[in-house]
Amino acid sequence: MTGLIDRMERDGFVCRSPDPTDRRVQIIFLTDNGKKCGAPVMNVVDNVLSDIFSGVSEKDFAQTQALLKQVLANAQEDSK
């Protein structure tokens, strides 16, 4: 992830700022240039998601989403 953020910062899409409450944390902000790219990128993401979830019912999609949220929450809790 750091490499991706480094490249995005190098290319002017994001900037970093230290978290005022935790010196271990960097807050990532989109630059104006990064904001301009948001809509086209989200269109690509939406198209990819539509393709990969084609044929999956809304109920199954919602269950999958809930399961993944729980897995993420568990992983975040374990890392504390």
PDB file of N, CA and C in Angstrom:
ATOM      1  N   MET A   1       0.834  -1.186   0.000  1.00  0.00           N
ATOM      2  CA  MET A   1       0.000   0.000   0.000  1.00  0.00           C
ATOM      3  C   MET A   1       0.878   1.249   0.000  1.00  0.00           C
ATOM      4  N   THR A   2       1.949   1.224   0.746  1.00  0.00           N
ATOM      5  CA  THR A   2       2.822   2.391   0.814  1.00  0.00           C
ATOM      6  C   THR A   2       3.375   2.748  -0.555  1.00  0.00           C
ATOM      7  N   GLY A   3       3.758   1.746  -1.326  1.00  0.00           N
ATOM      8  CA  GLY A   3       4.284   1.998  -2.669  1.00  0.00           C
ATOM      9  C   GLY A   3       3.253   2.672  -3.553  1.00  0.00           C
ATOM     10  N   LEU A   4       2.007   2.243  -3.462  1.00  0.00           N
ATOM     11  CA  LEU A   4       0.939   2.848  -4.247  1.00  0.00           C
ATOM     12  C   LEU A   4       0.756   4.308  -3.849  1.00  0.00           C
ATOM     13  N   ILE A   5       0.698   4.576  -2.547  1.00  0.00           N
ATOM     14  CA  ILE A   5       0.541   5.951  -2.070  1.00  0.00           C
ATOM     15  C   ILE A   5       1.746   6.792  -2.475  1.00  0.00           C
ATOM     16  N   ASP A   6       2.957   6.221  -2.387  1.00  0.00           N
ATOM     17  CA  ASP A   6       4.160   6.939  -2.821  1.00  0.00           C
ATOM     18  C   ASP A   6       4.038   7.382  -4.278  1.00  0.00           C
ATOM     19  N   ARG A   7       3.591   6.485  -5.136  1.00  0.00           N
ATOM     20  CA  ARG A   7       3.463   6.817  -6.565  1.00  0.00           C
ATOM     21  C   ARG A   7       2.357   7.844  -6.793  1.00  0.00           C
ATOM     22  N   MET A   8       1.260   7.706  -6.070  1.00  0.00           N
ATOM     23  CA  MET A   8       0.183   8.681  -6.211  1.00  0.00           C
ATOM     24  C   MET A   8       0.625  10.068  -5.733  1.00  0.00           C
ATOM     25  N   GLU A   9       1.426  10.091  -4.682  1.00  0.00           N
ATOM     26  CA  GLU A   9       1.956  11.369  -4.193  1.00  0.00           C
ATOM     27  C   GLU A   9       2.949  11.951  -5.212  1.00  0.00           C
ATOM     28  N   ARG A  10       3.814  11.124  -5.728  1.00  0.00           N
ATOM     29  CA  ARG A  10       4.789  11.553  -6.734  1.00  0.00           C
ATOM     30  C   ARG A  10       4.096  12.147  -7.955  1.00  0.00           C
ATOM     31  N   ASP A  11       2.967  11.545  -8.342  1.00  0.00           N
ATOM     32  CA  ASP A  11       2.244  11.984  -9.529  1.00  0.00           C
ATOM     33  C   ASP A  11       1.256  13.111  -9.250  1.00  0.00           C
ATOM     34  N   GLY A  12       1.192  13.556  -7.999  1.00  0.00           N
ATOM     35  CA  GLY A  12       0.360  14.709  -7.662  1.00  0.00           C
ATOM     36  C   GLY A  12      -1.101  14.420  -7.421  1.00  0.00           C
ATOM     37  N   PHE A  13      -1.452  13.161  -7.134  1.00  0.00           N
ATOM     38  CA  PHE A  13      -2.847  12.811  -6.881  1.00  0.00           C
ATOM     39  C   PHE A  13      -3.233  12.897  -5.411  1.00  0.00           C
ATOM     40  N   VAL A  14      -2.260  12.718  -4.517  1.00  0.00           N
ATOM     41  CA  VAL A  14      -2.507  12.784  -3.078  1.00  0.00           C
ATOM     42  C   VAL A  14      -1.380  13.552  -2.397  1.00  0.00           C
ATOM     43  N   CYS A  15      -1.672  13.981  -1.178  1.00  0.00           N
ATOM     44  CA  CYS A  15      -0.620  14.535  -0.322  1.00  0.00           C
ATOM     45  C   CYS A  15      -0.803  13.933   1.068  1.00  0.00           C
ATOM     46  N   ARG A  16       0.282  13.896   1.796  1.00  0.00           N
ATOM     47  CA  ARG A  16       0.266  13.317   3.146  1.00  0.00           C
ATOM     48  C   ARG A  16       0.386  14.423   4.177  1.00  0.00           C
ATOM     49  N   SER A  17      -0.236  14.168   5.328  1.00  0.00           N
ATOM     50  CA  SER A  17      -0.139  15.093   6.450  1.00  0.00           C
ATOM     51  C   SER A  17      -0.057  14.259   7.724  1.00  0.00           C
ATOM     52  N   PRO A  18       0.796  14.646   8.656  1.00  0.00           N
ATOM     53  CA  PRO A  18       0.866  13.867   9.902  1.00  0.00           C
ATOM     54  C   PRO A  18      -0.417  14.016  10.716  1.00  0.00           C
ATOM     55  N   ASP A  19      -0.814  12.937  11.350  1.00  0.00           N
ATOM     56  CA  ASP A  19      -1.972  12.971  12.248  1.00  0.00           C
ATOM     57  C   ASP A  19      -1.564  13.722  13.510  1.00  0.00           C
ATOM     58  N   PRO A  20      -2.326  14.741  13.906  1.00  0.00           N
ATOM     59  CA  PRO A  20      -1.931  15.516  15.086  1.00  0.00           C
ATOM     60  C   PRO A  20      -2.038  14.752  16.402  1.00  0.00           C
ATOM     61  N   THR A  21      -2.784  13.628  16.407  1.00  0.00           N
ATOM     62  CA  THR A  21      -2.965  12.888  17.655  1.00  0.00           C
ATOM     63  C   THR A  21      -2.142  11.609  17.733  1.00  0.00           C
ATOM     64  N   ASP A  22      -1.557  11.188  16.611  1.00  0.00           N
ATOM     65  CA  ASP A  22      -0.798   9.937  16.596  1.00  0.00           C
ATOM     66  C   ASP A  22       0.327  10.059  15.572  1.00  0.00           C
ATOM     67  N   ARG A  23       1.539  10.218  16.050  1.00  0.00           N
ATOM     68  CA  ARG A  23       2.659  10.474  15.134  1.00  0.00           C
ATOM     69  C   ARG A  23       3.003   9.281  14.240  1.00  0.00           C
ATOM     70  N   ARG A  24       2.426   8.128  14.519  1.00  0.00           N
ATOM     71  CA  ARG A  24       2.652   6.959  13.666  1.00  0.00           C
ATOM     72  C   ARG A  24       1.792   6.991  12.415  1.00  0.00           C
ATOM     73  N   VAL A  25       0.802   7.870  12.394  1.00  0.00           N
ATOM     74  CA  VAL A  25      -0.212   7.876  11.344  1.00  0.00           C
ATOM     75  C   VAL A  25       0.008   9.037  10.378  1.00  0.00           C
ATOM     76  N   GLN A  26      -0.176   8.752   9.107  1.00  0.00           N
ATOM     77  CA  GLN A  26      -0.183   9.778   8.064  1.00  0.00           C
ATOM     78  C   GLN A  26      -1.595   9.835   7.492  1.00  0.00           C
ATOM     79  N   ILE A  27      -2.145  11.026   7.372  1.00  0.00           N
ATOM     80  CA  ILE A  27      -3.459  11.201   6.765  1.00  0.00           C
ATOM     81  C   ILE A  27      -3.236  11.506   5.290  1.00  0.00           C
ATOM     82  N   ILE A  28      -3.953  10.803   4.436  1.00  0.00           N
ATOM     83  CA  ILE A  28      -3.809  10.953   2.992  1.00  0.00           C
ATOM     84  C   ILE A  28      -4.985  11.776   2.473  1.00  0.00           C
ATOM     85  N   PHE A  29      -4.682  12.827   1.717  1.00  0.00           N
ATOM     86  CA  PHE A  29      -5.694  13.696   1.136  1.00  0.00           C
ATOM     87  C   PHE A  29      -5.567  13.680  -0.376  1.00  0.00           C
ATOM     88  N   LEU A  30      -6.695  13.735  -1.060  1.00  0.00           N
ATOM     89  CA  LEU A  30      -6.672  13.902  -2.508  1.00  0.00           C
ATOM     90  C   LEU A  30      -6.337  15.349  -2.830  1.00  0.00           C
ATOM     91  N   THR A  31      -5.495  15.553  -3.805  1.00  0.00           N
ATOM     92  CA  THR A  31      -5.217  16.889  -4.319  1.00  0.00           C
ATOM     93  C   THR A  31      -6.319  17.255  -5.311  1.00  0.00           C
ATOM     94  N   ASP A  32      -6.299  18.493  -5.795  1.00  0.00           N
ATOM     95  CA  ASP A  32      -7.277  18.882  -6.816  1.00  0.00           C
ATOM     96  C   ASP A  32      -7.155  17.978  -8.036  1.00  0.00           C
ATOM     97  N   ASN A  33      -5.922  17.652  -8.412  1.00  0.00           N
ATOM     98  CA  ASN A  33      -5.693  16.761  -9.545  1.00  0.00           C
ATOM     99  C   ASN A  33      -6.277  15.374  -9.261  1.00  0.00           C
ATOM    100  N   GLY A  34      -6.108  14.889  -8.045  1.00  0.00           N
ATOM    101  CA  GLY A  34      -6.662  13.598  -7.661  1.00  0.00           C
ATOM    102  C   GLY A  34      -8.176  13.604  -7.683  1.00  0.00           C
ATOM    103  N   LYS A  35      -8.782  14.713  -7.252  1.00  0.00           N
ATOM    104  CA  LYS A  35     -10.243  14.820  -7.258  1.00  0.00           C
ATOM    105  C   LYS A  35     -10.793  14.792  -8.680  1.00  0.00           C
ATOM    106  N   LYS A  36     -10.059  15.396  -9.605  1.00  0.00           N
ATOM    107  CA  LYS A  36     -10.505  15.393 -11.009  1.00  0.00           C
ATOM    108  C   LYS A  36     -10.564  13.977 -11.578  1.00  0.00           C
ATOM    109  N   CYS A  37      -9.717  13.112 -11.087  1.00  0.00           N
ATOM    110  CA  CYS A  37      -9.661  11.729 -11.585  1.00  0.00           C
ATOM    111  C   CYS A  37     -10.697  10.827 -10.926  1.00  0.00           C
ATOM    112  N   GLY A  38     -11.342  11.309  -9.885  1.00  0.00           N
ATOM    113  CA  GLY A  38     -12.259  10.477  -9.115  1.00  0.00           C
ATOM    114  C   GLY A  38     -13.387   9.882  -9.923  1.00  0.00           C
ATOM    115  N   ALA A  39     -14.096  10.697 -10.679  1.00  0.00           N
ATOM    116  CA  ALA A  39     -15.257  10.199 -11.428  1.00  0.00           C
ATOM    117  C   ALA A  39     -14.861   9.161 -12.472  1.00  0.00           C
ATOM    118  N   PRO A  40     -13.836   9.425 -13.301  1.00  0.00           N
ATOM    119  CA  PRO A  40     -13.455   8.393 -14.276  1.00  0.00           C
ATOM    120  C   PRO A  40     -13.009   7.083 -13.621  1.00  0.00           C
ATOM    121  N   VAL A  41     -12.289   7.186 -12.521  1.00  0.00           N
ATOM    122  CA  VAL A  41     -11.825   5.979 -11.822  1.00  0.00           C
ATOM    123  C   VAL A  41     -13.018   5.214 -11.262  1.00  0.00           C
ATOM    124  N   MET A  42     -13.965   5.919 -10.673  1.00  0.00           N
ATOM    125  CA  MET A  42     -15.135   5.244 -10.111  1.00  0.00           C
ATOM    126  C   MET A  42     -15.977   4.593 -11.195  1.00  0.00           C
ATOM    127  N   ASN A  43     -16.014   5.185 -12.385  1.00  0.00           N
ATOM    128  CA  ASN A  43     -16.727   4.547 -13.503  1.00  0.00           C
ATOM    129  C   ASN A  43     -16.089   3.212 -13.856  1.00  0.00           C
ATOM    130  N   VAL A  44     -14.766   3.170 -13.877  1.00  0.00           N
ATOM    131  CA  VAL A  44     -14.061   1.918 -14.166  1.00  0.00           C
ATOM    132  C   VAL A  44     -14.342   0.903 -13.063  1.00  0.00           C
ATOM    133  N   VAL A  45     -14.261   1.334 -11.811  1.00  0.00           N
ATOM    134  CA  VAL A  45     -14.528   0.438 -10.680  1.00  0.00           C
ATOM    135  C   VAL A  45     -15.953  -0.108 -10.772  1.00  0.00           C
ATOM    136  N   ASP A  46     -16.919   0.761 -11.042  1.00  0.00           N
ATOM    137  CA  ASP A  46     -18.307   0.315 -11.165  1.00  0.00           C
ATOM    138  C   ASP A  46     -18.466  -0.718 -12.277  1.00  0.00           C
ATOM    139  N   ASN A  47     -17.820  -0.486 -13.404  1.00  0.00           N
ATOM    140  CA  ASN A  47     -17.905  -1.436 -14.519  1.00  0.00           C
ATOM    141  C   ASN A  47     -17.293  -2.785 -14.166  1.00  0.00           C
ATOM    142  N   VAL A  48     -16.151  -2.760 -13.506  1.00  0.00           N
ATOM    143  CA  VAL A  48     -15.489  -4.007 -13.099  1.00  0.00           C
ATOM    144  C   VAL A  48     -16.359  -4.755 -12.105  1.00  0.00           C
ATOM    145  N   LEU A  49     -16.891  -4.041 -11.108  1.00  0.00           N
ATOM    146  CA  LEU A  49     -17.749  -4.699 -10.113  1.00  0.00           C
ATOM    147  C   LEU A  49     -19.006  -5.280 -10.759  1.00  0.00           C
ATOM    148  N   SER A  50     -19.581  -4.554 -11.700  1.00  0.00           N
ATOM    149  CA  SER A  50     -20.759  -5.070 -12.403  1.00  0.00           C
ATOM    150  C   SER A  50     -20.429  -6.359 -13.138  1.00  0.00           C
ATOM    151  N   ASP A  51     -19.265  -6.388 -13.764  1.00  0.00           N
ATOM    152  CA  ASP A  51     -18.857  -7.586 -14.502  1.00  0.00           C
ATOM    153  C   ASP A  51     -18.620  -8.777 -13.578  1.00  0.00           C
ATOM    154  N   ILE A  52     -17.884  -8.543 -12.489  1.00  0.00           N
ATOM    155  CA  ILE A  52     -17.513  -9.681 -11.641  1.00  0.00           C
ATOM    156  C   ILE A  52     -18.665 -10.184 -10.790  1.00  0.00           C
ATOM    157  N   PHE A  53     -19.661  -9.318 -10.530  1.00  0.00           N
ATOM    158  CA  PHE A  53     -20.814  -9.760  -9.747  1.00  0.00           C
ATOM    159  C   PHE A  53     -22.027 -10.044 -10.621  1.00  0.00           C
ATOM    160  N   SER A  54     -21.808 -10.125 -11.921  1.00  0.00           N
ATOM    161  CA  SER A  54     -22.891 -10.456 -12.846  1.00  0.00           C
ATOM    162  C   SER A  54     -23.474 -11.816 -12.478  1.00  0.00           C
ATOM    163  N   GLY A  55     -24.782 -11.879 -12.378  1.00  0.00           N
ATOM    164  CA  GLY A  55     -25.435 -13.148 -12.053  1.00  0.00           C
ATOM    165  C   GLY A  55     -25.559 -13.417 -10.569  1.00  0.00           C
ATOM    166  N   VAL A  56     -24.984 -12.562  -9.734  1.00  0.00           N
ATOM    167  CA  VAL A  56     -25.098 -12.724  -8.277  1.00  0.00           C
ATOM    168  C   VAL A  56     -26.313 -11.926  -7.817  1.00  0.00           C
ATOM    169  N   SER A  57     -27.195 -12.559  -7.083  1.00  0.00           N
ATOM    170  CA  SER A  57     -28.410 -11.874  -6.637  1.00  0.00           C
ATOM    171  C   SER A  57     -28.054 -10.767  -5.641  1.00  0.00           C
ATOM    172  N   GLU A  58     -28.965  -9.809  -5.509  1.00  0.00           N
ATOM    173  CA  GLU A  58     -28.730  -8.715  -4.557  1.00  0.00           C
ATOM    174  C   GLU A  58     -28.623  -9.259  -3.132  1.00  0.00           C
ATOM    175  N   LYS A  59     -29.413 -10.289  -2.832  1.00  0.00           N
ATOM    176  CA  LYS A  59     -29.357 -10.898  -1.495  1.00  0.00           C
ATOM    177  C   LYS A  59     -27.986 -11.517  -1.247  1.00  0.00           C
ATOM    178  N   ASP A  60     -27.473 -12.272  -2.209  1.00  0.00           N
ATOM    179  CA  ASP A  60     -26.150 -12.884  -2.061  1.00  0.00           C
ATOM    180  C   ASP A  60     -25.057 -11.819  -1.988  1.00  0.00           C
ATOM    181  N   PHE A  61     -25.203 -10.773  -2.790  1.00  0.00           N
ATOM    182  CA  PHE A  61     -24.229  -9.688  -2.756  1.00  0.00           C
ATOM    183  C   PHE A  61     -24.221  -9.028  -1.380  1.00  0.00           C
ATOM    184  N   ALA A  62     -25.410  -8.760  -0.825  1.00  0.00           N
ATOM    185  CA  ALA A  62     -25.509  -8.133   0.496  1.00  0.00           C
ATOM    186  C   ALA A  62     -24.902  -9.033   1.571  1.00  0.00           C
ATOM    187  N   GLN A  63     -25.133 -10.338   1.481  1.00  0.00           N
ATOM    188  CA  GLN A  63     -24.549 -11.268   2.450  1.00  0.00           C
ATOM    189  C   GLN A  63     -23.029 -11.292   2.336  1.00  0.00           C
ATOM    190  N   THR A  64     -22.540 -11.285   1.112  1.00  0.00           N
ATOM    191  CA  THR A  64     -21.086 -11.267   0.890  1.00  0.00           C
ATOM    192  C   THR A  64     -20.477  -9.994   1.455  1.00  0.00           C
ATOM    193  N   GLN A  65     -21.135  -8.885   1.195  1.00  0.00           N
ATOM    194  CA  GLN A  65     -20.652  -7.596   1.691  1.00  0.00           C
ATOM    195  C   GLN A  65     -20.618  -7.592   3.229  1.00  0.00           C
ATOM    196  N   ALA A  66     -21.675  -8.083   3.854  1.00  0.00           N
ATOM    197  CA  ALA A  66     -21.724  -8.137   5.314  1.00  0.00           C
ATOM    198  C   ALA A  66     -20.627  -9.035   5.872  1.00  0.00           C
ATOM    199  N   LEU A  67     -20.414 -10.178   5.228  1.00  0.00           N
ATOM    200  CA  LEU A  67     -19.367 -11.103   5.661  1.00  0.00           C
ATOM    201  C   LEU A  67     -17.989 -10.451   5.567  1.00  0.00           C
ATOM    202  N   LEU A  68     -17.720  -9.789   4.452  1.00  0.00           N
ATOM    203  CA  LEU A  68     -16.413  -9.148   4.282  1.00  0.00           C
ATOM    204  C   LEU A  68     -16.212  -8.011   5.276  1.00  0.00           C
ATOM    205  N   LYS A  69     -17.266  -7.277   5.589  1.00  0.00           N
ATOM    206  CA  LYS A  69     -17.159  -6.222   6.607  1.00  0.00           C
ATOM    207  C   LYS A  69     -16.801  -6.821   7.955  1.00  0.00           C
ATOM    208  N   GLN A  70     -17.407  -7.959   8.282  1.00  0.00           N
ATOM    209  CA  GLN A  70     -17.106  -8.613   9.557  1.00  0.00           C
ATOM    210  C   GLN A  70     -15.665  -9.114   9.591  1.00  0.00           C
ATOM    211  N   VAL A  71     -15.206  -9.691   8.488  1.00  0.00           N
ATOM    212  CA  VAL A  71     -13.820 -10.168   8.404  1.00  0.00           C
ATOM    213  C   VAL A  71     -12.857  -8.995   8.592  1.00  0.00           C
ATOM    214  N   LEU A  72     -13.148  -7.866   7.940  1.00  0.00           N
ATOM    215  CA  LEU A  72     -12.310  -6.688   8.087  1.00  0.00           C
ATOM    216  C   LEU A  72     -12.315  -6.179   9.513  1.00  0.00           C
ATOM    217  N   ALA A  73     -13.484  -6.128  10.136  1.00  0.00           N
ATOM    218  CA  ALA A  73     -13.566  -5.681  11.525  1.00  0.00           C
ATOM    219  C   ALA A  73     -12.771  -6.600  12.441  1.00  0.00           C
ATOM    220  N   ASN A  74     -12.860  -7.906  12.211  1.00  0.00           N
ATOM    221  CA  ASN A  74     -12.077  -8.866  13.005  1.00  0.00           C
ATOM    222  C   ASN A  74     -10.587  -8.641  12.818  1.00  0.00           C
ATOM    223  N   ALA A  75     -10.164  -8.421  11.590  1.00  0.00           N
ATOM    224  CA  ALA A  75      -8.753  -8.212  11.305  1.00  0.00           C
ATOM    225  C   ALA A  75      -8.259  -6.927  11.974  1.00  0.00           C
ATOM    226  N   GLN A  76      -9.063  -5.887  11.949  1.00  0.00           N
ATOM    227  CA  GLN A  76      -8.663  -4.628  12.580  1.00  0.00           C
ATOM    228  C   GLN A  76      -8.594  -4.779  14.084  1.00  0.00           C
ATOM    229  N   GLU A  77      -9.505  -5.531  14.650  1.00  0.00           N
ATOM    230  CA  GLU A  77      -9.487  -5.760  16.096  1.00  0.00           C
ATOM    231  C   GLU A  77      -8.259  -6.570  16.507  1.00  0.00           C
ATOM    232  N   ASP A  78      -7.904  -7.557  15.705  1.00  0.00           N
ATOM    233  CA  ASP A  78      -6.746  -8.391  16.006  1.00  0.00           C
ATOM    234  C   ASP A  78      -5.428  -7.605  15.913  1.00  0.00           C
ATOM    235  N   SER A  79      -5.417  -6.546  15.114  1.00  0.00           N
ATOM    236  CA  SER A  79      -4.171  -5.791  14.937  1.00  0.00           C
ATOM    237  C   SER A  79      -3.950  -4.769  16.040  1.00  0.00           C
ATOM    238  N   LYS A  80      -4.899  -4.632  16.960  1.00  0.00           N
ATOM    239  CA  LYS A  80      -4.750  -3.665  18.071  1.00  0.00           C
ATOM    240  C   LYS A  80      -3.939  -4.239  19.196  1.00  0.00           C
TER     241      LYS A  80
END
